[in-house]
Amino acid sequence: MKSDLDGLAAREAESRTKNARTRDPRFIKFLEHLAFGQSISGACGSSDLPRRTLYDWMEQDQEIRDLVDHAKC
């Protein structure tokens, strides 16, 4: 399963947008941890992406929300 998910967030971010936030290494790492089943809080901690920053981005950007929702599936 891990090999299927390796680079998932990076591929998603590169193929769907030119949004700088989605290319942030912390966000990419966050999405990978979330896809492996971590909670949002845990994935933020593992990726050094402050939870407040993530929630601000999600509030401001539908694409960020969509990527987060997709990674949770």
Protein backbone atom coordinates (compact mmCIF):
# COMPACT_ATOMS: atom_id res chain seq x y z
CA MET A 1 0.00 0.00 0.00
CA LYS A 2 2.81 2.40 0.85
CA SER A 3 4.24 2.16 -2.67
CA ASP A 4 0.83 3.11 -4.09
CA LEU A 5 0.75 6.24 -1.95
CA ASP A 6 4.39 7.30 -2.36
CA GLY A 7 4.37 10.71 -3.91
CA LEU A 8 0.56 10.86 -4.05
CA ALA A 9 0.41 14.35 -2.66
CA ALA A 10 3.21 15.58 -4.90
CA ARG A 11 1.54 14.18 -8.02
CA GLU A 12 -1.82 15.61 -7.00
CA ALA A 13 -0.36 19.03 -6.33
CA GLU A 14 1.64 19.15 -9.54
CA SER A 15 -1.09 17.86 -11.81
CA ARG A 16 -3.99 19.90 -10.49
CA THR A 17 -2.64 23.35 -9.80
CA LYS A 18 0.01 25.99 -9.89
CA ASN A 19 -1.07 27.12 -6.42
CA ALA A 20 2.11 27.77 -4.41
CA ARG A 21 0.54 26.49 -1.20
CA THR A 22 -0.01 23.07 -2.72
CA ARG A 23 3.69 22.88 -3.61
CA ASP A 24 4.80 23.77 -0.08
CA PRO A 25 6.89 20.77 1.10
CA ARG A 26 5.17 20.88 4.48
CA PHE A 27 1.74 20.61 2.84
CA ILE A 28 2.85 17.75 0.59
CA LYS A 29 4.25 15.87 3.59
CA PHE A 30 1.03 16.64 5.51
CA LEU A 31 -1.10 15.10 2.74
CA GLU A 32 1.07 11.98 2.65
CA HIS A 33 0.71 11.49 6.41
CA LEU A 34 -3.03 12.12 6.21
CA ALA A 35 -3.35 9.56 3.40
CA PHE A 36 -1.59 7.00 5.62
CA GLY A 37 -4.34 7.46 8.20
CA GLN A 38 -3.01 10.07 10.61
CA SER A 39 -5.41 12.61 12.03
CA ILE A 40 -5.18 16.20 10.86
CA SER A 41 -3.48 17.13 14.12
CA GLY A 42 -1.02 14.24 13.85
CA ALA A 43 -0.27 14.91 10.19
CA CYS A 44 0.35 18.59 10.93
CA GLY A 45 2.74 17.67 13.72
CA SER A 46 4.58 15.15 11.54
CA SER A 47 5.00 17.63 8.71
CA ASP A 48 5.83 20.79 10.68
CA LEU A 49 2.78 22.51 9.19
CA PRO A 50 1.05 24.51 11.94
CA ARG A 51 -2.58 23.46 12.32
CA ARG A 52 -3.67 27.11 12.36
CA THR A 53 -1.91 27.65 9.02
CA LEU A 54 -3.64 24.63 7.52
CA TYR A 55 -7.06 25.77 8.70
CA ASP A 56 -6.41 29.30 7.40
CA TRP A 57 -5.45 27.87 4.01
CA MET A 58 -8.50 25.61 3.98
CA GLU A 59 -10.76 28.55 4.79
CA GLN A 60 -9.27 30.64 1.98
CA ASP A 61 -8.75 28.05 -0.74
CA GLN A 62 -11.24 25.48 -2.07
CA GLU A 63 -8.46 23.57 -3.79
CA ILE A 64 -6.66 23.05 -0.48
CA ARG A 65 -9.92 21.78 1.04
CA ASP A 66 -10.39 19.39 -1.89
CA LEU A 67 -6.85 18.00 -1.57
CA VAL A 68 -7.29 17.46 2.17
CA ASP A 69 -10.66 15.74 1.64
CA HIS A 70 -9.17 13.53 -1.07
CA ALA A 71 -6.23 12.51 1.12
CA LYS A 72 -8.60 11.50 3.92
CA CYS A 73 -10.42 8.98 1.65
